[in-house]
Amino acid sequence: MKPLNLRFAAVMLGYGGAMFLVYRDEVLGPFLAPLAVLTASVTADVLQHIGIAVVRDGAFLIHPAGFAYQVAYTCTGFVPVVTFIVCLLACSGSAKAKWSGIAVGVPVLIGVNLLRLTHLFYLGVYAPGAFAFAHEVMWEGLLAATFIGLWLGWLNRSQLRPASFRSVALSGRPEADCSRGEILSPSDDRKHGHR
């Protein structure tokens, strides 16, 4: 894996500064309101599909027993998705690797967020005592772990060099000592007892 470079640091610093300036209700709230309604609509569809009664009113999800929550712009998954895209685009690597990472990572992040919203509604209806912990701790940690896992996985995969591996399918063993980035030559095979 290559060390993160100065360009990455500069882009992320600029992105962080921009988010600091615009990540406010009065700035992003109106802009992302349609996304919040769409997210609430999809969440309501999932809840109904799994047999949980829900009524949607704009970005509000309401259970007949009284539990309700609003899908705010902060709950849409917008920030993790955009941050993931910025991270990938700021890193060195081919355009193909970047777009492949985005094509995998964005749906995963959106799916995890949808799972989060569905689970939180379920907890609000059936286990309200667990809602606060799940909302403020558990799901924040799971989203962060998902983001970090996707990004580090992409970094690892996009930085691999095809020449550093021999086809395991052909030889039945790896060519390289991946921990040191070495490529084994046929003379190394004899030293290690391979023919």
Protein backbone atom coordinates (compact mmCIF):
# COMPACT_ATOMS: atom_id res chain seq x y z
CA MET A 1 0.00 0.00 0.00
CA LYS A 2 1.40 3.40 -0.91
CA PRO A 3 1.57 6.03 1.79
CA LEU A 4 -1.11 8.68 1.55
CA ASN A 5 0.25 11.65 -0.30
CA LEU A 6 0.15 15.40 0.08
CA ARG A 7 -2.59 15.75 -2.54
CA PHE A 8 -4.83 13.45 -0.52
CA ALA A 9 -4.18 15.47 2.64
CA ALA A 10 -4.89 18.77 0.85
CA VAL A 11 -8.11 17.51 -0.73
CA MET A 12 -9.37 16.06 2.55
CA LEU A 13 -8.48 19.24 4.44
CA GLY A 14 -10.37 21.30 1.86
CA TYR A 15 -13.31 18.91 1.98
CA GLY A 16 -13.34 19.00 5.79
CA GLY A 17 -13.31 22.80 5.74
CA ALA A 18 -16.16 22.91 3.24
CA MET A 19 -18.21 20.46 5.31
CA PHE A 20 -17.54 22.54 8.41
CA LEU A 21 -18.99 25.57 6.62
CA VAL A 22 -22.02 23.95 4.96
CA TYR A 23 -23.01 21.08 7.27
CA ARG A 24 -25.79 23.10 8.90
CA ASP A 25 -29.57 22.83 8.87
CA GLU A 26 -30.00 26.18 7.16
CA VAL A 27 -27.57 25.31 4.36
CA LEU A 28 -27.88 21.59 3.65
CA GLY A 29 -31.34 20.99 5.16
CA PRO A 30 -33.40 22.53 2.32
CA PHE A 31 -31.04 21.16 -0.36
CA LEU A 32 -31.25 17.59 0.98
CA ALA A 33 -34.94 17.64 1.98
CA PRO A 34 -35.98 15.69 -1.17
CA LEU A 35 -33.31 13.07 -0.39
CA ALA A 36 -34.67 12.78 3.17
CA VAL A 37 -38.19 12.19 1.81
CA LEU A 38 -36.88 9.60 -0.68
CA THR A 39 -34.92 7.85 2.08
CA ALA A 40 -38.03 7.80 4.30
CA SER A 41 -40.09 6.42 1.41
CA VAL A 42 -37.66 3.58 0.72
CA THR A 43 -37.41 2.83 4.45
CA ALA A 44 -41.21 2.72 4.71
CA ASP A 45 -41.35 0.30 1.77
CA VAL A 46 -38.82 -1.99 3.46
CA LEU A 47 -40.69 -1.83 6.77
CA GLN A 48 -43.99 -2.70 5.10
CA HIS A 49 -42.32 -5.51 3.17
CA ILE A 50 -41.11 -7.12 6.41
CA GLY A 51 -44.53 -6.71 8.02
CA ILE A 52 -44.10 -3.64 10.22
CA ALA A 53 -46.98 -1.18 9.99
CA VAL A 54 -45.80 2.30 9.08
CA VAL A 55 -47.31 5.49 7.74
CA ARG A 56 -45.07 7.97 5.97
CA ASP A 57 -45.76 11.70 6.02
CA GLY A 58 -42.98 13.42 4.11
CA ALA A 59 -39.80 12.47 5.91
CA PHE A 60 -41.66 11.25 9.02
CA LEU A 61 -42.21 7.55 9.67
CA ILE A 62 -45.06 6.81 12.08
CA HIS A 63 -46.14 3.53 13.67
CA PRO A 64 -49.86 3.17 14.61
CA ALA A 65 -48.83 2.50 18.25
CA GLY A 66 -47.34 5.99 18.46
CA PHE A 67 -43.62 5.67 17.77
CA ALA A 68 -42.32 8.03 15.09
CA TYR A 69 -39.10 9.49 13.82
CA GLN A 70 -38.06 11.92 11.14
CA VAL A 71 -35.45 11.04 8.56
CA ALA A 72 -33.40 14.22 8.72
CA TYR A 73 -30.85 15.15 6.08
CA THR A 74 -28.17 13.86 8.49
CA CYS A 75 -29.80 10.40 8.30
CA THR A 76 -29.80 10.04 4.52
CA GLY A 77 -26.29 8.62 4.19
CA PHE A 78 -25.28 11.65 2.13
CA VAL A 79 -22.20 12.54 4.18
CA PRO A 80 -20.66 9.03 4.33
CA VAL A 81 -21.29 8.52 0.61
CA VAL A 82 -19.83 11.87 -0.44
CA THR A 83 -16.89 11.47 1.94
CA PHE A 84 -16.19 8.00 0.55
CA ILE A 85 -16.24 9.33 -3.02
CA VAL A 86 -13.94 12.23 -2.11
CA CYS A 87 -11.52 9.83 -0.36
CA LEU A 88 -11.31 7.58 -3.39
CA LEU A 89 -10.96 10.41 -5.89
CA ALA A 90 -8.26 12.09 -3.75
CA CYS A 91 -6.11 8.94 -3.60
CA SER A 92 -3.65 7.93 -6.25
CA GLY A 93 -4.83 5.16 -8.50
CA SER A 94 -6.34 4.57 -11.89
CA ALA A 95 -9.68 6.03 -12.87
CA LYS A 96 -10.96 2.49 -13.43
CA ALA A 97 -10.01 1.48 -9.87
CA LYS A 98 -11.62 4.61 -8.45
CA TRP A 99 -14.90 4.16 -10.33
CA SER A 100 -14.95 0.46 -9.44
CA GLY A 101 -14.51 1.36 -5.78
CA ILE A 102 -17.29 3.91 -6.00
CA ALA A 103 -19.55 1.42 -7.78
CA VAL A 104 -19.10 -1.04 -4.91
CA GLY A 105 -18.82 1.33 -1.93
CA VAL A 106 -21.73 3.68 -2.58
CA PRO A 107 -24.43 0.97 -2.75
CA VAL A 108 -22.96 -0.74 0.32
CA LEU A 109 -23.04 2.50 2.33
CA ILE A 110 -26.58 3.26 1.17
CA GLY A 111 -27.66 -0.30 2.00
CA VAL A 112 -26.12 -0.18 5.49
CA ASN A 113 -27.85 3.15 6.12
CA LEU A 114 -31.18 1.69 4.99
CA LEU A 115 -30.63 -1.30 7.28
CA ARG A 116 -29.84 1.16 10.08
CA LEU A 117 -33.05 3.14 9.58
CA THR A 118 -35.14 -0.03 9.38
CA HIS A 119 -33.57 -1.49 12.50
CA LEU A 120 -33.99 1.76 14.44
CA PHE A 121 -37.69 1.92 13.56
CA TYR A 122 -38.08 -1.71 14.63
CA LEU A 123 -36.37 -0.94 17.95
CA GLY A 124 -38.49 2.15 18.46
CA VAL A 125 -41.64 0.06 18.11
CA TYR A 126 -40.63 -3.19 19.83
CA ALA A 127 -37.69 -2.30 22.13
CA PRO A 128 -37.80 1.45 22.80
CA GLY A 129 -35.29 1.16 25.65
CA ALA A 130 -32.61 0.08 23.17
CA PHE A 131 -33.31 2.84 20.64
CA ALA A 132 -31.02 5.54 22.06
CA PHE A 133 -28.00 3.24 22.38
CA ALA A 134 -28.53 1.79 18.91
CA HIS A 135 -29.01 5.24 17.37
CA GLU A 136 -26.18 7.08 19.09
CA VAL A 137 -23.56 4.37 19.59
CA MET A 138 -24.09 1.05 17.82
CA TRP A 139 -25.08 2.27 14.36
CA GLU A 140 -22.63 5.18 14.39
CA GLY A 141 -19.86 2.64 15.06
CA LEU A 142 -21.13 0.20 12.43
CA LEU A 143 -21.37 2.94 9.79
CA ALA A 144 -17.86 4.12 10.64
CA ALA A 145 -16.51 0.56 10.54
CA THR A 146 -18.21 -0.05 7.18
CA PHE A 147 -16.78 3.16 5.76
CA ILE A 148 -13.26 2.44 7.02
CA GLY A 149 -13.42 -1.18 5.87
CA LEU A 150 -14.55 -0.19 2.38
CA TRP A 151 -11.91 2.51 2.06
CA LEU A 152 -9.03 0.41 3.39
CA GLY A 153 -10.18 -2.55 1.28
CA TRP A 154 -10.19 -0.34 -1.79
CA LEU A 155 -6.77 1.10 -0.92
CA ASN A 156 -5.35 -2.39 -0.52
CA ARG A 157 -6.94 -3.72 -3.69
CA SER A 158 -6.18 -0.69 -5.85
CA GLN A 159 -2.52 -0.59 -4.81
CA LEU A 160 -1.77 -4.26 -5.60
CA ARG A 161 0.46 -4.86 -8.55
CA PRO A 162 -0.56 -7.85 -10.69
CA ALA A 163 3.12 -8.69 -11.30
CA SER A 164 3.63 -9.35 -7.60
CA PHE A 165 1.61 -12.56 -7.65
CA ARG A 166 1.91 -15.80 -9.57
CA SER A 167 -1.34 -17.47 -10.43
CA VAL A 168 -2.23 -19.66 -7.49
CA ALA A 169 -4.50 -21.61 -9.81
CA LEU A 170 -1.54 -22.62 -11.98
CA SER A 171 1.09 -23.25 -9.32
CA GLY A 172 -0.99 -23.94 -6.23
CA ARG A 173 1.04 -21.48 -4.17
CA PRO A 174 1.66 -17.74 -4.15
CA GLU A 175 4.66 -16.32 -5.96
CA ALA A 176 5.15 -13.38 -3.64
CA ASP A 177 5.79 -12.77 0.00
CA CYS A 178 3.00 -10.19 0.21
CA SER A 179 4.06 -8.99 3.62
CA ARG A 180 7.31 -7.66 2.14
CA GLY A 181 6.19 -7.03 -1.43
CA GLU A 182 8.69 -9.54 -2.82
CA ILE A 183 8.40 -11.60 -5.96
CA LEU A 184 9.80 -15.09 -5.69
CA SER A 185 11.95 -16.26 -8.56
CA PRO A 186 12.49 -19.90 -9.56
CA SER A 187 15.82 -19.87 -7.66
CA ASP A 188 13.90 -18.81 -4.53
CA ASP A 189 11.61 -21.80 -5.05
CA ARG A 190 14.57 -24.18 -4.65
CA LYS A 191 15.67 -22.39 -1.47
CA HIS A 192 12.19 -22.89 0.00
CA GLY A 193 12.03 -26.55 -1.07
CA HIS A 194 9.59 -26.04 -3.98
CA ARG A 195 10.17 -27.51 -7.43
